[in-house]
Amino acid sequence: QVQLVESGGGLVQGGDSLRLSCAASGGAFGRYAMGWFRQAPGKEREFVAGISWNDAFIVYVASVKGRFTISRDNAKNMVYLQMNSLKPEDTAEYYCAATASSSFFTGQEKIYSYWGQGTQVTVSS
């Protein structure tokens, strides 16, 4: 079992930056690929970014590419999402998730076994 706890959300203005953190415990963190997802009000949850267990493979959804950066620190059991140039359309609840699947880059929710409780990001215009 892996427990995930997100932090770092908040209310910011358009163009600002935020860094989300996800702390993992209870499992062999280094064995899991990690992903960030988000869900805006009235919309389905969507995949934002994913990172392989060893940083070798990183993938982003097109809408955040060039603005968001996913990273991880296996020594600290942490995964991060640096979000720059935030836009109002980035407003959502952000979730980190863990999967042992090598297909993490597909962003399919069903392959992610463990989820955090989410952290809210609100971007004002």
C-alpha atoms as a PDB file:
ATOM      1  CA  GLN A   1       0.000   0.000   0.000  1.00  0.00           C
ATOM      2  CA  VAL A   2       1.180   3.474  -0.893  1.00  0.00           C
ATOM      3  CA  GLN A   3      -0.241   6.573   0.726  1.00  0.00           C
ATOM      4  CA  LEU A   4      -0.006   9.850  -1.157  1.00  0.00           C
ATOM      5  CA  VAL A   5      -0.507  13.332   0.232  1.00  0.00           C
ATOM      6  CA  GLU A   6      -0.526  16.400  -2.002  1.00  0.00           C
ATOM      7  CA  SER A   7       0.257  19.940  -0.923  1.00  0.00           C
ATOM      8  CA  GLY A   8       1.098  23.304  -2.402  1.00  0.00           C
ATOM      9  CA  GLY A   9      -2.168  24.323  -3.963  1.00  0.00           C
ATOM     10  CA  GLY A  10      -3.635  27.772  -3.583  1.00  0.00           C
ATOM     11  CA  LEU A  11      -5.116  30.854  -5.180  1.00  0.00           C
ATOM     12  CA  VAL A  12      -2.878  32.684  -7.611  1.00  0.00           C
ATOM     13  CA  GLN A  13      -3.185  35.161 -10.440  1.00  0.00           C
ATOM     14  CA  GLY A  14      -2.734  34.356 -14.089  1.00  0.00           C
ATOM     15  CA  GLY A  15       0.941  34.209 -15.004  1.00  0.00           C
ATOM     16  CA  ASP A  16       2.025  33.165 -11.523  1.00  0.00           C
ATOM     17  CA  SER A  17       3.748  29.950 -10.527  1.00  0.00           C
ATOM     18  CA  LEU A  18       3.035  27.199  -8.023  1.00  0.00           C
ATOM     19  CA  ARG A  19       4.839  24.046  -7.058  1.00  0.00           C
ATOM     20  CA  LEU A  20       2.762  21.083  -6.010  1.00  0.00           C
ATOM     21  CA  SER A  21       4.306  18.386  -3.875  1.00  0.00           C
ATOM     22  CA  CYS A  22       3.239  14.821  -3.303  1.00  0.00           C
ATOM     23  CA  ALA A  23       4.639  12.877  -0.374  1.00  0.00           C
ATOM     24  CA  ALA A  24       4.560   9.089  -0.576  1.00  0.00           C
ATOM     25  CA  SER A  25       4.728   6.599   2.240  1.00  0.00           C
ATOM     26  CA  GLY A  26       4.051   2.952   2.966  1.00  0.00           C
ATOM     27  CA  GLY A  27       5.566   1.374  -0.104  1.00  0.00           C
ATOM     28  CA  ALA A  28       8.620   1.086  -2.323  1.00  0.00           C
ATOM     29  CA  PHE A  29       8.252   4.497  -3.908  1.00  0.00           C
ATOM     30  CA  GLY A  30      11.109   3.948  -6.318  1.00  0.00           C
ATOM     31  CA  ARG A  31       9.235   1.081  -7.969  1.00  0.00           C
ATOM     32  CA  TYR A  32       6.321   3.237  -9.074  1.00  0.00           C
ATOM     33  CA  ALA A  33       5.783   5.559 -11.951  1.00  0.00           C
ATOM     34  CA  MET A  34       3.980   8.676 -10.825  1.00  0.00           C
ATOM     35  CA  GLY A  35       1.388  10.845 -12.441  1.00  0.00           C
ATOM     36  CA  TRP A  36      -0.393  14.123 -11.861  1.00  0.00           C
ATOM     37  CA  PHE A  37      -4.042  14.444 -12.805  1.00  0.00           C
ATOM     38  CA  ARG A  38      -6.504  17.285 -12.460  1.00  0.00           C
ATOM     39  CA  GLN A  39     -10.241  17.726 -12.376  1.00  0.00           C
ATOM     40  CA  ALA A  40     -11.969  20.995 -13.064  1.00  0.00           C
ATOM     41  CA  PRO A  41     -15.544  21.622 -11.892  1.00  0.00           C
ATOM     42  CA  GLY A  42     -18.014  19.875 -14.146  1.00  0.00           C
ATOM     43  CA  LYS A  43     -15.303  18.122 -16.115  1.00  0.00           C
ATOM     44  CA  GLU A  44     -13.753  14.678 -16.131  1.00  0.00           C
ATOM     45  CA  ARG A  45     -10.422  14.100 -14.494  1.00  0.00           C
ATOM     46  CA  GLU A  46      -7.577  14.425 -16.957  1.00  0.00           C
ATOM     47  CA  PHE A  47      -3.981  13.305 -17.058  1.00  0.00           C
ATOM     48  CA  VAL A  48      -1.479  16.154 -16.757  1.00  0.00           C
ATOM     49  CA  ALA A  49       1.994  14.606 -16.527  1.00  0.00           C
ATOM     50  CA  GLY A  50       3.752  11.356 -15.775  1.00  0.00           C
ATOM     51  CA  ILE A  51       7.257  10.310 -14.826  1.00  0.00           C
ATOM     52  CA  SER A  52       8.860   6.894 -14.841  1.00  0.00           C
ATOM     53  CA  TRP A  53      10.406   5.392 -11.733  1.00  0.00           C
ATOM     54  CA  ASN A  54      13.907   6.471 -12.790  1.00  0.00           C
ATOM     55  CA  ASP A  55      13.131   9.836 -14.482  1.00  0.00           C
ATOM     56  CA  ALA A  56      14.013   8.324 -17.842  1.00  0.00           C
ATOM     57  CA  PHE A  57      10.627   8.941 -19.384  1.00  0.00           C
ATOM     58  CA  ILE A  58       8.437  11.990 -18.842  1.00  0.00           C
ATOM     59  CA  VAL A  59       5.228  12.867 -20.614  1.00  0.00           C
ATOM     60  CA  TYR A  60       2.888  15.869 -20.538  1.00  0.00           C
ATOM     61  CA  VAL A  61      -0.526  16.665 -21.864  1.00  0.00           C
ATOM     62  CA  ALA A  62      -0.231  19.162 -24.701  1.00  0.00           C
ATOM     63  CA  SER A  63      -1.979  21.965 -22.822  1.00  0.00           C
ATOM     64  CA  VAL A  64       0.740  22.159 -20.155  1.00  0.00           C
ATOM     65  CA  LYS A  65       3.824  21.297 -22.165  1.00  0.00           C
ATOM     66  CA  GLY A  66       6.441  24.002 -21.776  1.00  0.00           C
ATOM     67  CA  ARG A  67       4.768  25.427 -18.671  1.00  0.00           C
ATOM     68  CA  PHE A  68       4.669  22.510 -16.222  1.00  0.00           C
ATOM     69  CA  THR A  69       7.553  20.327 -15.081  1.00  0.00           C
ATOM     70  CA  ILE A  70       7.185  17.025 -13.261  1.00  0.00           C
ATOM     71  CA  SER A  71      10.068  15.727 -11.189  1.00  0.00           C
ATOM     72  CA  ARG A  72      10.725  13.266  -8.407  1.00  0.00           C
ATOM     73  CA  ASP A  73      13.170  12.661  -5.606  1.00  0.00           C
ATOM     74  CA  ASN A  74      13.237   8.967  -4.792  1.00  0.00           C
ATOM     75  CA  ALA A  75      15.466   9.534  -1.764  1.00  0.00           C
ATOM     76  CA  LYS A  76      12.762  11.712  -0.229  1.00  0.00           C
ATOM     77  CA  ASN A  77       9.750   9.798  -1.586  1.00  0.00           C
ATOM     78  CA  MET A  78       8.502  12.960  -3.243  1.00  0.00           C
ATOM     79  CA  VAL A  79       7.102  13.948  -6.604  1.00  0.00           C
ATOM     80  CA  TYR A  80       6.619  17.532  -7.705  1.00  0.00           C
ATOM     81  CA  LEU A  81       4.742  19.508 -10.291  1.00  0.00           C
ATOM     82  CA  GLN A  82       6.220  22.916 -11.024  1.00  0.00           C
ATOM     83  CA  MET A  83       3.572  25.021 -12.710  1.00  0.00           C
ATOM     84  CA  ASN A  84       4.596  28.236 -14.428  1.00  0.00           C
ATOM     85  CA  SER A  85       2.657  30.765 -16.477  1.00  0.00           C
ATOM     86  CA  LEU A  86      -0.567  29.595 -14.915  1.00  0.00           C
ATOM     87  CA  LYS A  87      -3.815  30.277 -16.731  1.00  0.00           C
ATOM     88  CA  PRO A  88      -7.407  30.386 -15.448  1.00  0.00           C
ATOM     89  CA  GLU A  89      -8.065  27.164 -17.357  1.00  0.00           C
ATOM     90  CA  ASP A  90      -5.535  25.422 -15.108  1.00  0.00           C
ATOM     91  CA  THR A  91      -7.968  25.837 -12.222  1.00  0.00           C
ATOM     92  CA  ALA A  92      -8.721  22.367 -10.883  1.00  0.00           C
ATOM     93  CA  GLU A  93      -8.236  19.893  -8.097  1.00  0.00           C
ATOM     94  CA  TYR A  94      -4.846  18.298  -8.657  1.00  0.00           C
ATOM     95  CA  TYR A  95      -4.125  14.692  -7.719  1.00  0.00           C
ATOM     96  CA  CYS A  96      -0.971  12.644  -7.673  1.00  0.00           C
ATOM     97  CA  ALA A  97      -1.158   8.942  -8.369  1.00  0.00           C
ATOM     98  CA  ALA A  98       1.141   5.931  -8.448  1.00  0.00           C
ATOM     99  CA  THR A  99       1.286   2.949 -10.729  1.00  0.00           C
ATOM    100  CA  ALA A 100       3.500  -0.077 -11.144  1.00  0.00           C
ATOM    101  CA  SER A 101       2.529  -0.260 -14.810  1.00  0.00           C
ATOM    102  CA  SER A 102       5.023   0.534 -17.544  1.00  0.00           C
ATOM    103  CA  SER A 103       2.121   2.085 -19.451  1.00  0.00           C
ATOM    104  CA  PHE A 104       1.920   5.033 -17.058  1.00  0.00           C
ATOM    105  CA  PHE A 105       2.527   7.423 -19.959  1.00  0.00           C
ATOM    106  CA  THR A 106      -0.867   6.609 -21.476  1.00  0.00           C
ATOM    107  CA  GLY A 107      -2.496   8.534 -18.650  1.00  0.00           C
ATOM    108  CA  GLN A 108      -5.233   5.971 -18.185  1.00  0.00           C
ATOM    109  CA  GLU A 109      -6.689   6.373 -14.720  1.00  0.00           C
ATOM    110  CA  LYS A 110      -7.457   2.687 -14.381  1.00  0.00           C
ATOM    111  CA  ILE A 111      -3.803   1.708 -14.316  1.00  0.00           C
ATOM    112  CA  TYR A 112      -3.018   4.007 -11.411  1.00  0.00           C
ATOM    113  CA  SER A 113      -3.505   2.067  -8.203  1.00  0.00           C
ATOM    114  CA  TYR A 114      -2.924   4.716  -5.552  1.00  0.00           C
ATOM    115  CA  TRP A 115      -4.283   8.234  -5.321  1.00  0.00           C
ATOM    116  CA  GLY A 116      -3.880  11.213  -3.069  1.00  0.00           C
ATOM    117  CA  GLN A 117      -6.743  13.290  -1.739  1.00  0.00           C
ATOM    118  CA  GLY A 118      -6.058  16.243  -3.994  1.00  0.00           C
ATOM    119  CA  THR A 119      -5.026  19.877  -3.655  1.00  0.00           C
ATOM    120  CA  GLN A 120      -6.951  22.787  -5.107  1.00  0.00           C
ATOM    121  CA  VAL A 121      -5.369  25.198  -7.563  1.00  0.00           C
ATOM    122  CA  THR A 122      -7.317  28.309  -8.467  1.00  0.00           C
ATOM    123  CA  VAL A 123      -6.004  30.753 -11.032  1.00  0.00           C
ATOM    124  CA  SER A 124      -7.700  34.108 -11.312  1.00  0.00           C
ATOM    125  CA  SER A 125      -7.656  36.180 -14.473  1.00  0.00           C
END
